[in-house]
Amino acid sequence: MPQHQTPATRSATQTPAEAPAGNATENATENAAENAAEDATPAASGTFRNPLNPGPDPFLAYANGEYHLATTQGDGIRMWSAASLADLLAADPVTVWTDTDPSRDQHIWAPEFYQFGDRWYMYYTADDGVDEHHRLFVLESEGDDPRGPYHFKAKLEPPNHVDKFAIDPGILQHDGKLYLAYSGLNEYQHNGLNIAPMSNPYTVSGDAVPFDAAGGCPEVREGPAFLYRNGKTWMTYSACDTGKPDYQVWMMSLPEGADPLVRENWTQHDGALFSRNDEVGVYGPGHHTFFTSPDGTEDWIIYHAKNTSENTYTHRTTRAQPISWNEDGSPDLGRPLALGATLDLPSGDPGSGNYWINDDGRSSGEGTVTFEGDWNSGSGCATQCFWSDDHWSDEAGATATFTFTGTRIALLSVEDTGNGIAAISVDGGPEERVDFHGPIRTGETVHYLSPRLPAGEHTLTVRVTGERNGDSDGAFVSVDRAEVYTD
């Protein structure tokens, strides 16, 4: 999240291309150009593509037969829920919390929610409009639904950290006890890792212990997350400023039976565990958590990353992929996969029948796209585009029409400094103006999500208006990928 920003530097931007189907955590896109030439049609019902959400700082839990996802929204806490991971992008958000207390009603970041007993507890950070005033808070649910309703329960402050900057609360569960882990002031970093004991899910019962965690850059250690396996607790965390392309994940470990409040009990692991993958255009992967597949047989990471190498807090989107385990018992997070890579759904996920339509007319389901007017096309965008190609036009009146069978469609395309305004309509209905301009170039940006539609065949038409906003130096509209939803 954006605090204590470092100056941005402008550089070339890239976004990733399509990867082959599969659930490997290694880089599966080295031969993207060759794959793009294939007429591949993966089984739509058992696969999905990222992003899952356009927001950063994700937390996900599986409960009551659904995935529940929250990301940083700033003005409140919203949750997206769906029976299949593939449907989260098209899910309608539910606002589970807003606040009227002026000391904590702004900059609401990084919500995490855990079930203890028959209640859910929502942990988050918020302030009064001043970043340095960020503090930690917890809500309690009225019942066993992670969507609430919630009521305010407590402010979380270790005795030695009263009224001091703190963000990114997470809960460590170790040997039957609870601990509050967070990022905040300590003698090592302004945003440094701290762990404090808790007597229950809403009460801090002792002083916080600061950690001098490694990280490859000096300024930030944040977003602690936990895995429990092979006789150890694994604490992963994000290092470097989240605006940088080098934002990355590091790790420490704690044996069973060891006191987590004794710093010497933790072992620091060398090097980044999860970091930028320039080959497929993924930058700044971090602020993550872990979840298990619905049948409990697989471990997954959910995280945010960017498809630009610029130092910016924008364009951090939520993605998920499976992880594995090394022979020594440590987690292997692999490498972040290309945005848009086709992955197998988590084991036990019922699937949804979702499918993609590429701008060249290929589709993994019942869909196609036709163009009228003057359009350019090519594969020069490489990792910036799905299947390494797109269409673009600035001719007023030029159209691209997707024909699809389903209940909803999302349009993902390039956003750029030379892009203009499109008019988008569904089934020939009223047009909605959508601005494709952005201050930096990024690909596979979600520009449009249709309303829910009756099941059946529909059309989505993108019309180039030839217009642009005052900051743009062109009126181009890009057409790249459509994601079709069938439930």
Protein backbone atom coordinates (compact mmCIF):
# COMPACT_ATOMS: atom_id res chain seq x y z
CA MET A 1 0.00 0.00 0.00
CA PRO A 2 1.23 3.52 -0.74
CA GLN A 3 3.12 4.98 2.14
CA HIS A 4 6.45 6.82 2.23
CA GLN A 5 6.73 6.74 -1.52
CA THR A 6 9.99 6.77 -3.38
CA PRO A 7 10.34 8.86 -6.57
CA ALA A 8 8.96 7.13 -9.66
CA THR A 9 11.24 6.47 -12.60
CA ARG A 10 9.87 6.06 -16.11
CA SER A 11 10.86 2.97 -18.06
CA ALA A 12 9.54 0.60 -20.70
CA THR A 13 6.38 -1.24 -19.69
CA GLN A 14 5.34 -4.78 -20.47
CA THR A 15 2.56 -7.15 -19.59
CA PRO A 16 2.51 -10.91 -19.98
CA ALA A 17 1.22 -13.20 -22.67
CA GLU A 18 -0.90 -16.32 -22.53
CA ALA A 19 0.61 -19.48 -20.99
CA PRO A 20 -0.25 -23.08 -21.77
CA ALA A 21 -2.87 -24.83 -19.66
CA GLY A 22 -1.64 -26.48 -16.48
CA ASN A 23 -1.00 -25.91 -12.81
CA ALA A 24 2.83 -25.89 -12.75
CA THR A 25 4.34 -23.14 -10.65
CA GLU A 26 7.37 -22.83 -12.87
CA ASN A 27 7.56 -20.34 -15.73
CA ALA A 28 5.28 -21.95 -18.27
CA THR A 29 5.51 -19.20 -20.87
CA GLU A 30 9.03 -19.34 -22.26
CA ASN A 31 7.68 -20.38 -25.64
CA ALA A 32 4.77 -17.94 -25.67
CA ALA A 33 5.28 -16.97 -29.30
CA GLU A 34 5.18 -20.62 -30.37
CA ASN A 35 2.15 -21.31 -28.19
CA ALA A 36 0.36 -18.30 -29.62
CA ALA A 37 0.57 -19.85 -33.07
CA GLU A 38 -1.25 -22.95 -31.91
CA ASP A 39 -5.01 -23.24 -32.14
CA ALA A 40 -5.29 -24.33 -28.51
CA THR A 41 -8.71 -24.77 -26.94
CA PRO A 42 -8.29 -25.79 -23.28
CA ALA A 43 -11.20 -27.32 -21.42
CA ALA A 44 -13.03 -24.25 -20.23
CA SER A 45 -14.93 -25.83 -17.35
CA GLY A 46 -11.79 -26.74 -15.41
CA THR A 47 -9.61 -23.69 -16.00
CA PHE A 48 -9.35 -20.00 -15.18
CA ARG A 49 -7.27 -16.96 -15.99
CA ASN A 50 -6.02 -14.11 -13.85
CA PRO A 51 -6.72 -11.44 -12.75
CA LEU A 52 -9.30 -12.38 -10.12
CA ASN A 53 -9.87 -8.77 -9.04
CA PRO A 54 -8.58 -5.32 -10.07
CA GLY A 55 -7.61 -4.46 -6.47
CA PRO A 56 -4.40 -4.98 -4.43
CA ASP A 57 -3.59 -6.55 -1.03
CA PRO A 58 -5.79 -9.65 -1.44
CA PHE A 59 -6.99 -12.02 1.25
CA LEU A 60 -9.06 -15.11 0.42
CA ALA A 61 -10.80 -17.77 2.50
CA TYR A 62 -12.92 -20.73 1.42
CA ALA A 63 -16.01 -21.22 3.58
CA ASN A 64 -19.60 -22.39 3.26
CA GLY A 65 -18.98 -23.68 -0.27
CA GLU A 66 -17.61 -20.41 -1.65
CA TYR A 67 -14.41 -18.47 -2.07
CA HIS A 68 -14.50 -15.10 -0.31
CA LEU A 69 -12.07 -12.40 -1.44
CA ALA A 70 -11.32 -8.96 -0.01
CA THR A 71 -8.87 -6.40 -1.43
CA THR A 72 -7.88 -2.87 -0.47
CA GLN A 73 -10.69 -0.47 -1.41
CA GLY A 74 -9.77 2.60 0.64
CA ASP A 75 -13.21 3.84 1.67
CA GLY A 76 -14.52 0.59 3.18
CA ILE A 77 -14.26 -3.19 3.12
CA ARG A 78 -15.87 -5.07 0.24
CA MET A 79 -16.02 -8.80 -0.40
CA TRP A 80 -16.46 -10.84 -3.57
CA SER A 81 -17.83 -14.38 -3.24
CA ALA A 82 -18.20 -17.20 -5.76
CA ALA A 83 -18.48 -20.99 -5.84
CA SER A 84 -15.66 -21.15 -8.41
CA LEU A 85 -12.40 -19.24 -8.43
CA ALA A 86 -13.09 -18.59 -12.11
CA ASP A 87 -16.14 -16.46 -11.24
CA LEU A 88 -14.58 -14.03 -8.77
CA LEU A 89 -13.83 -11.33 -11.36
CA ALA A 90 -17.51 -11.30 -12.35
CA ALA A 91 -18.89 -11.52 -8.80
CA ASP A 92 -20.80 -8.54 -7.43
CA PRO A 93 -19.15 -7.02 -4.35
CA VAL A 94 -20.83 -6.82 -0.97
CA THR A 95 -19.88 -3.91 1.28
CA VAL A 96 -19.23 -5.49 4.68
CA TRP A 97 -17.92 -2.41 6.49
CA THR A 98 -17.81 1.38 6.37
CA ASP A 99 -17.05 3.62 9.33
CA THR A 100 -18.33 6.97 10.58
CA ASP A 101 -15.62 7.45 13.21
CA PRO A 102 -13.38 10.19 11.74
CA SER A 103 -10.30 8.70 13.39
CA ARG A 104 -10.52 5.53 11.29
CA ASP A 105 -12.80 6.08 8.29
CA GLN A 106 -10.16 6.66 5.58
CA HIS A 107 -7.35 4.73 3.87
CA ILE A 108 -8.89 1.42 4.90
CA TRP A 109 -6.34 -1.14 3.73
CA ALA A 110 -5.45 -4.83 3.68
CA PRO A 111 -8.47 -6.55 5.30
CA GLU A 112 -7.95 -10.13 6.51
CA PHE A 113 -10.67 -12.32 8.01
CA TYR A 114 -10.43 -15.48 10.12
CA GLN A 115 -13.01 -17.72 11.78
CA PHE A 116 -12.57 -18.47 15.47
CA GLY A 117 -15.43 -20.45 16.99
CA ASP A 118 -18.73 -19.41 15.45
CA ARG A 119 -17.62 -15.87 14.61
CA TRP A 120 -15.47 -14.24 11.94
CA TYR A 121 -12.96 -11.55 12.83
CA MET A 122 -11.99 -8.92 10.28
CA TYR A 123 -8.56 -7.30 10.79
CA TYR A 124 -7.58 -4.14 8.91
CA THR A 125 -5.77 -0.82 9.08
CA ALA A 126 -7.26 2.65 8.71
CA ASP A 127 -6.54 6.30 9.50
CA ASP A 128 -8.06 9.79 9.69
CA GLY A 129 -6.70 10.85 6.30
CA VAL A 130 -3.05 11.07 7.40
CA ASP A 131 -0.92 8.07 6.44
CA GLU A 132 1.22 8.24 9.57
CA HIS A 133 -1.96 7.86 11.66
CA HIS A 134 -2.67 4.34 10.41
CA ARG A 135 -3.66 2.03 13.27
CA LEU A 136 -4.95 -1.57 13.56
CA PHE A 137 -8.57 -2.57 14.20
CA VAL A 138 -10.74 -5.67 14.36
CA LEU A 139 -14.44 -6.30 13.64
CA GLU A 140 -16.57 -9.23 14.87
CA SER A 141 -19.29 -10.90 12.80
CA GLU A 142 -22.83 -11.41 14.05
CA GLY A 143 -22.87 -14.99 12.75
CA ASP A 144 -20.88 -17.56 10.76
CA ASP A 145 -20.97 -15.77 7.38
CA PRO A 146 -17.64 -14.12 6.43
CA ARG A 147 -19.69 -11.43 4.63
CA GLY A 148 -21.06 -10.28 7.95
CA PRO A 149 -22.79 -8.27 9.19
CA TYR A 150 -19.96 -7.02 11.40
CA HIS A 151 -19.71 -4.70 14.37
CA PHE A 152 -16.65 -2.83 15.57
CA LYS A 153 -14.83 -4.82 18.25
CA ALA A 154 -11.50 -3.26 19.22
CA LYS A 155 -8.42 -1.26 18.43
CA LEU A 156 -5.32 -3.46 18.49
CA GLU A 157 -2.29 -1.92 20.24
CA PRO A 158 0.56 -3.69 22.00
CA PRO A 159 1.48 -1.84 25.24
CA ASN A 160 4.86 -0.85 23.79
CA HIS A 161 3.32 0.36 20.53
CA VAL A 162 0.45 2.59 21.66
CA ASP A 163 -0.66 5.21 19.15
CA LYS A 164 2.10 4.41 16.66
CA PHE A 165 2.01 3.75 12.93
CA ALA A 166 0.89 0.19 12.11
CA ILE A 167 -0.48 -1.57 9.01
CA ASP A 168 -1.09 -5.04 7.52
CA PRO A 169 -2.42 -7.08 10.46
CA GLY A 170 -2.31 -10.86 10.17
CA ILE A 171 -2.91 -13.66 12.65
CA LEU A 172 -0.26 -16.23 13.58
CA GLN A 173 -1.68 -19.45 15.08
CA HIS A 174 1.07 -21.39 16.81
CA ASP A 175 0.84 -24.22 19.36
CA GLY A 176 -2.77 -23.37 20.19
CA LYS A 177 -2.14 -19.66 20.76
CA LEU A 178 -2.89 -16.53 18.75
CA TYR A 179 -0.46 -13.76 17.88
CA LEU A 180 -0.88 -10.45 16.09
CA ALA A 181 1.68 -9.99 13.30
CA TYR A 182 1.89 -6.63 11.56
CA SER A 183 4.10 -4.04 9.92
CA GLY A 184 4.95 -0.88 11.84
CA LEU A 185 7.54 1.16 13.60
CA ASN A 186 10.49 -0.64 15.12
CA GLU A 187 14.20 -0.03 15.43
CA TYR A 188 14.89 -1.70 12.09
CA GLN A 189 12.39 -0.12 9.65
CA HIS A 190 9.55 2.36 9.68
CA ASN A 191 7.56 -0.51 8.13
CA GLY A 192 9.12 -3.40 10.04
CA LEU A 193 7.75 -6.74 11.18
CA ASN A 194 6.36 -7.10 14.72
CA ILE A 195 4.62 -9.95 16.58
CA ALA A 196 2.57 -9.56 19.78
CA PRO A 197 0.67 -12.11 21.92
CA MET A 198 -3.14 -12.20 22.01
CA SER A 199 -5.40 -13.56 24.78
CA ASN A 200 -8.34 -13.87 22.33
CA PRO A 201 -9.07 -12.81 18.74
CA TYR A 202 -9.62 -9.16 19.71
CA THR A 203 -7.23 -8.51 22.63
CA VAL A 204 -3.49 -7.91 22.49
CA SER A 205 -2.06 -9.18 25.78
CA GLY A 206 1.60 -8.16 25.73
CA ASP A 207 4.40 -6.19 24.12
CA ALA A 208 5.27 -6.57 20.46
CA VAL A 209 8.61 -8.12 19.53
CA PRO A 210 10.38 -6.41 16.60
CA PHE A 211 12.14 -8.39 13.88
CA ASP A 212 15.14 -7.45 11.78
CA ALA A 213 13.94 -9.32 8.70
CA ALA A 214 16.00 -9.51 5.52
CA GLY A 215 14.57 -8.20 2.29
CA GLY A 216 16.95 -7.15 -0.45
CA CYS A 217 16.17 -3.46 0.02
CA PRO A 218 16.06 -1.34 3.16
CA GLU A 219 12.70 0.35 3.35
CA VAL A 220 9.78 -2.06 3.91
CA ARG A 221 8.87 -5.38 5.55
CA GLU A 222 5.09 -5.85 5.45
CA GLY A 223 2.13 -8.16 4.84
CA PRO A 224 3.13 -11.17 7.01
CA ALA A 225 1.43 -14.43 6.00
CA PHE A 226 1.72 -17.94 7.43
CA LEU A 227 1.95 -21.55 6.30
CA TYR A 228 1.90 -24.51 8.72
CA ARG A 229 3.47 -27.73 7.53
CA ASN A 230 6.30 -30.21 7.99
CA GLY A 231 6.86 -29.39 11.66
CA LYS A 232 7.34 -25.68 11.12
CA THR A 233 5.54 -22.38 10.87
CA TRP A 234 6.61 -20.51 7.76
CA MET A 235 6.25 -16.70 7.90
CA THR A 236 6.41 -15.09 4.48
CA TYR A 237 6.35 -11.33 4.03
CA SER A 238 6.77 -8.65 1.40
CA ALA A 239 9.91 -6.52 1.10
CA CYS A 240 10.73 -3.31 -0.80
CA ASP A 241 8.25 -0.53 -1.50
CA THR A 242 5.08 -1.90 -3.11
CA GLY A 243 5.36 0.69 -5.89
CA LYS A 244 8.65 -0.77 -7.07
CA PRO A 245 8.90 -3.57 -9.64
CA ASP A 246 11.23 -5.32 -7.17
CA TYR A 247 8.56 -5.73 -4.48
CA GLN A 248 9.03 -9.40 -3.52
CA VAL A 249 8.39 -12.16 -0.98
CA TRP A 250 10.92 -13.35 1.66
CA MET A 251 10.58 -15.93 4.45
CA MET A 252 11.45 -16.92 8.02
CA SER A 253 10.61 -20.21 9.80
CA LEU A 254 9.82 -21.33 13.35
CA PRO A 255 9.88 -24.92 14.69
CA GLU A 256 6.91 -26.43 16.49
CA GLY A 257 7.10 -25.86 20.23
CA ALA A 258 9.32 -22.80 19.91
CA ASP A 259 8.19 -19.46 21.33
CA PRO A 260 7.45 -17.05 18.44
CA LEU A 261 8.19 -14.08 20.73
CA VAL A 262 11.85 -15.09 20.98
CA ARG A 263 13.55 -13.68 17.90
CA GLU A 264 16.37 -16.21 18.02
CA ASN A 265 13.86 -19.03 17.49
CA TRP A 266 13.19 -17.81 13.96
CA THR A 267 15.43 -18.82 11.05
CA GLN A 268 15.90 -16.33 8.24
CA HIS A 269 15.91 -17.90 4.79
CA ASP A 270 18.24 -16.39 2.19
CA GLY A 271 16.98 -14.69 -0.92
CA ALA A 272 13.62 -13.82 -2.34
CA LEU A 273 11.09 -16.65 -2.47
CA PHE A 274 8.84 -14.99 -5.09
CA SER A 275 9.88 -12.04 -7.26
CA ARG A 276 9.50 -10.29 -10.61
CA ASN A 277 9.38 -12.37 -13.78
CA ASP A 278 10.42 -10.05 -16.60
CA GLU A 279 10.13 -12.81 -19.22
CA VAL A 280 6.35 -12.77 -18.90
CA GLY A 281 5.92 -9.17 -17.79
CA VAL A 282 5.11 -9.66 -14.10
CA TYR A 283 6.49 -7.05 -11.69
CA GLY A 284 6.23 -6.43 -7.96
CA PRO A 285 4.56 -9.68 -6.84
CA GLY A 286 3.77 -9.55 -3.14
CA HIS A 287 1.24 -8.74 -0.41
CA HIS A 288 -0.10 -12.24 -0.44
CA THR A 289 -1.74 -14.95 1.58
CA PHE A 290 -2.34 -18.68 1.19
CA PHE A 291 -5.39 -20.90 0.86
CA THR A 292 -6.11 -24.57 0.29
CA SER A 293 -8.17 -26.06 -2.52
CA PRO A 294 -11.80 -26.93 -1.68
CA ASP A 295 -10.89 -30.60 -1.19
CA GLY A 296 -7.88 -29.74 0.98
CA THR A 297 -5.28 -31.40 -1.26
CA GLU A 298 -3.53 -28.36 -2.76
CA ASP A 299 -1.90 -25.19 -1.43
CA TRP A 300 -2.29 -21.92 -3.31
CA ILE A 301 -0.93 -18.39 -3.11
CA ILE A 302 -3.05 -15.34 -3.82
CA TYR A 303 -1.12 -12.10 -4.36
CA HIS A 304 -1.03 -8.82 -6.19
CA ALA A 305 1.36 -7.91 -8.98
CA LYS A 306 1.67 -5.35 -11.77
CA ASN A 307 2.07 -5.60 -15.53
CA THR A 308 4.36 -2.59 -15.66
CA SER A 309 7.98 -2.15 -14.62
CA GLU A 310 7.39 1.47 -13.62
CA ASN A 311 7.47 2.58 -10.01
CA THR A 312 3.76 3.10 -9.46
CA TYR A 313 1.02 2.14 -7.00
CA THR A 314 -1.53 1.73 -9.79
CA HIS A 315 -2.35 -1.43 -11.75
CA ARG A 316 -1.78 -3.84 -8.85
CA THR A 317 -4.19 -6.68 -9.60
CA THR A 318 -5.07 -9.86 -7.70
CA ARG A 319 -3.81 -13.19 -9.04
CA ALA A 320 -3.66 -16.80 -7.79
CA GLN A 321 -1.57 -19.86 -8.61
CA PRO A 322 -0.66 -23.17 -6.93
CA ILE A 323 2.46 -23.68 -4.84
CA SER A 324 4.46 -26.83 -4.07
CA TRP A 325 6.82 -28.10 -1.37
CA ASN A 326 10.55 -28.79 -1.50
CA GLU A 327 12.18 -32.02 -0.32
CA ASP A 328 13.50 -30.21 2.76
CA GLY A 329 9.92 -29.35 3.77
CA SER A 330 10.02 -25.68 2.80
CA PRO A 331 7.42 -24.07 0.52
CA ASP A 332 8.23 -23.51 -3.15
CA LEU A 333 6.23 -20.57 -4.48
CA GLY A 334 7.62 -20.98 -7.98
CA ARG A 335 7.62 -17.94 -10.27
CA PRO A 336 4.70 -15.60 -10.92
CA LEU A 337 2.92 -16.68 -14.08
CA ALA A 338 1.81 -14.48 -16.95
CA LEU A 339 -1.37 -12.50 -16.48
CA GLY A 340 -3.92 -14.38 -18.55
CA ALA A 341 -2.12 -17.73 -18.31
CA THR A 342 -4.64 -20.56 -18.40
CA LEU A 343 -4.43 -22.55 -15.15
CA ASP A 344 -6.27 -25.58 -13.82
CA LEU A 345 -8.77 -24.67 -11.14
CA PRO A 346 -8.04 -25.75 -7.55
CA SER A 347 -8.86 -29.39 -6.87
CA GLY A 348 -12.49 -29.73 -5.84
CA ASP A 349 -13.52 -26.47 -7.52
CA PRO A 350 -16.77 -27.16 -9.42
CA GLY A 351 -15.76 -24.94 -12.37
CA SER A 352 -18.01 -22.57 -14.24
CA GLY A 353 -17.61 -23.12 -17.97
CA ASN A 354 -15.89 -19.76 -18.42
CA TYR A 355 -13.90 -19.25 -21.61
CA TRP A 356 -11.84 -16.68 -23.49
CA ILE A 357 -12.14 -15.03 -26.89
CA ASN A 358 -8.93 -13.67 -28.43
CA ASP A 359 -8.87 -10.65 -30.75
CA ASP A 360 -7.83 -12.88 -33.68
CA GLY A 361 -11.08 -14.86 -33.40
CA ARG A 362 -9.76 -17.91 -31.56
CA SER A 363 -11.83 -18.96 -28.58
CA SER A 364 -11.89 -21.72 -25.98
CA GLY A 365 -15.70 -21.72 -26.13
CA GLU A 366 -18.62 -20.60 -28.27
CA GLY A 367 -17.41 -17.15 -29.26
CA THR A 368 -15.78 -15.04 -31.95
CA VAL A 369 -15.05 -11.42 -32.84
CA THR A 370 -15.49 -9.48 -36.08
CA PHE A 371 -14.11 -6.08 -37.07
CA GLU A 372 -15.52 -3.32 -39.25
CA GLY A 373 -13.56 -0.26 -40.35
CA ASP A 374 -9.82 0.36 -40.32
CA TRP A 375 -8.05 -1.72 -37.67
CA ASN A 376 -4.36 -2.47 -37.18
CA SER A 377 -3.28 -5.85 -35.83
CA GLY A 378 -0.06 -7.58 -34.92
CA SER A 379 2.04 -9.33 -32.30
CA GLY A 380 4.37 -6.45 -31.45
CA CYS A 381 2.84 -6.07 -28.00
CA ALA A 382 4.30 -9.47 -27.00
CA THR A 383 3.91 -9.92 -23.22
CA GLN A 384 1.65 -6.88 -23.06
CA CYS A 385 -1.18 -8.84 -24.66
CA PHE A 386 -3.08 -12.09 -24.41
CA TRP A 387 -1.63 -14.57 -26.90
CA SER A 388 0.90 -11.80 -27.74
CA ASP A 389 -1.37 -9.94 -30.16
CA ASP A 390 -4.10 -7.30 -30.32
CA HIS A 391 -6.09 -5.02 -32.64
CA TRP A 392 -6.12 -1.22 -32.39
CA SER A 393 -7.78 1.65 -34.22
CA ASP A 394 -8.35 5.41 -33.95
CA GLU A 395 -10.85 5.58 -36.82
CA ALA A 396 -14.11 7.05 -35.59
CA GLY A 397 -16.89 4.56 -36.22
CA ALA A 398 -14.69 1.46 -36.43
CA THR A 399 -16.22 -1.42 -34.47
CA ALA A 400 -15.25 -4.75 -32.94
CA THR A 401 -18.14 -7.08 -32.11
CA PHE A 402 -17.79 -10.11 -29.84
CA THR A 403 -20.43 -12.79 -30.21
CA PHE A 404 -20.63 -15.08 -27.17
CA THR A 405 -22.84 -17.54 -25.34
CA GLY A 406 -23.08 -16.89 -21.63
CA THR A 407 -24.37 -14.59 -18.93
CA ARG A 408 -21.63 -11.95 -18.63
CA ILE A 409 -18.53 -10.72 -20.48
CA ALA A 410 -15.42 -8.82 -19.40
CA LEU A 411 -13.20 -6.89 -21.83
CA LEU A 412 -9.45 -6.77 -21.09
CA SER A 413 -7.27 -4.60 -23.33
CA VAL A 414 -4.22 -2.38 -23.46
CA GLU A 415 -4.35 0.92 -21.60
CA ASP A 416 -1.91 3.51 -22.96
CA THR A 417 -0.95 7.18 -23.13
CA GLY A 418 -2.20 7.39 -26.72
CA ASN A 419 -5.57 5.75 -26.15
CA GLY A 420 -8.96 7.38 -26.41
CA ILE A 421 -12.59 6.78 -25.63
CA ALA A 422 -14.71 3.84 -26.77
CA ALA A 423 -18.48 3.43 -26.76
CA ILE A 424 -19.48 -0.08 -25.62
CA SER A 425 -22.91 -1.66 -25.98
CA VAL A 426 -24.45 -5.07 -25.32
CA ASP A 427 -26.98 -6.58 -27.72
CA GLY A 428 -27.33 -3.26 -29.52
CA GLY A 429 -28.50 -1.45 -26.40
CA PRO A 430 -27.43 1.93 -24.97
CA GLU A 431 -23.74 2.74 -25.27
CA GLU A 432 -21.45 3.29 -22.28
CA ARG A 433 -18.41 5.50 -22.78
CA VAL A 434 -15.17 3.88 -21.58
CA ASP A 435 -11.80 5.65 -21.50
CA PHE A 436 -8.89 3.41 -22.56
CA HIS A 437 -6.28 6.07 -21.73
CA GLY A 438 -3.74 5.61 -18.94
CA PRO A 439 -0.69 7.56 -17.75
CA ILE A 440 1.48 4.45 -18.32
CA ARG A 441 1.12 1.55 -20.74
CA THR A 442 -0.30 -1.68 -19.31
CA GLY A 443 -1.91 -4.69 -20.92
CA GLU A 444 -4.83 -6.96 -20.06
CA THR A 445 -6.44 -4.17 -18.07
CA VAL A 446 -10.09 -4.77 -17.21
CA HIS A 447 -11.90 -1.97 -19.04
CA TYR A 448 -15.47 -3.21 -19.00
CA LEU A 449 -17.65 -5.78 -17.22
CA SER A 450 -21.14 -6.20 -18.64
CA PRO A 451 -24.30 -6.40 -16.58
CA ARG A 452 -25.66 -9.88 -15.88
CA LEU A 453 -27.54 -11.21 -18.90
CA PRO A 454 -30.04 -14.00 -19.56
CA ALA A 455 -28.28 -17.23 -20.47
CA GLY A 456 -27.87 -17.46 -24.24
CA GLU A 457 -26.17 -15.80 -27.21
CA HIS A 458 -25.26 -12.12 -26.97
CA THR A 459 -23.07 -9.49 -28.60
CA LEU A 460 -20.72 -6.89 -27.18
CA THR A 461 -19.73 -4.07 -29.56
CA VAL A 462 -16.79 -1.76 -29.05
CA ARG A 463 -17.05 1.42 -31.15
CA VAL A 464 -14.13 3.80 -31.63
CA THR A 465 -15.40 7.34 -31.03
CA GLY A 466 -12.28 9.19 -32.20
CA GLU A 467 -12.44 11.19 -28.97
CA ARG A 468 -9.91 11.45 -26.15
CA ASN A 469 -9.48 13.14 -22.79
CA GLY A 470 -7.25 16.16 -22.32
CA ASP A 471 -4.30 14.12 -21.03
CA SER A 472 -4.17 11.69 -23.94
CA ASP A 473 -2.06 12.19 -27.06
CA GLY A 474 -4.19 9.87 -29.21
CA ALA A 475 -7.61 8.31 -29.71
CA PHE A 476 -6.67 4.64 -30.17
CA VAL A 477 -8.82 1.85 -28.77
CA SER A 478 -7.28 -1.57 -28.22
CA VAL A 479 -9.13 -4.88 -28.48
CA ASP A 480 -7.36 -7.86 -26.94
CA ARG A 481 -9.18 -10.46 -24.77
CA ALA A 482 -12.74 -11.10 -23.68
CA GLU A 483 -13.56 -13.37 -20.76
CA VAL A 484 -17.01 -14.97 -20.97
CA TYR A 485 -18.93 -16.17 -17.89
CA THR A 486 -21.60 -18.84 -18.21
CA ASP A 487 -23.20 -19.07 -14.73
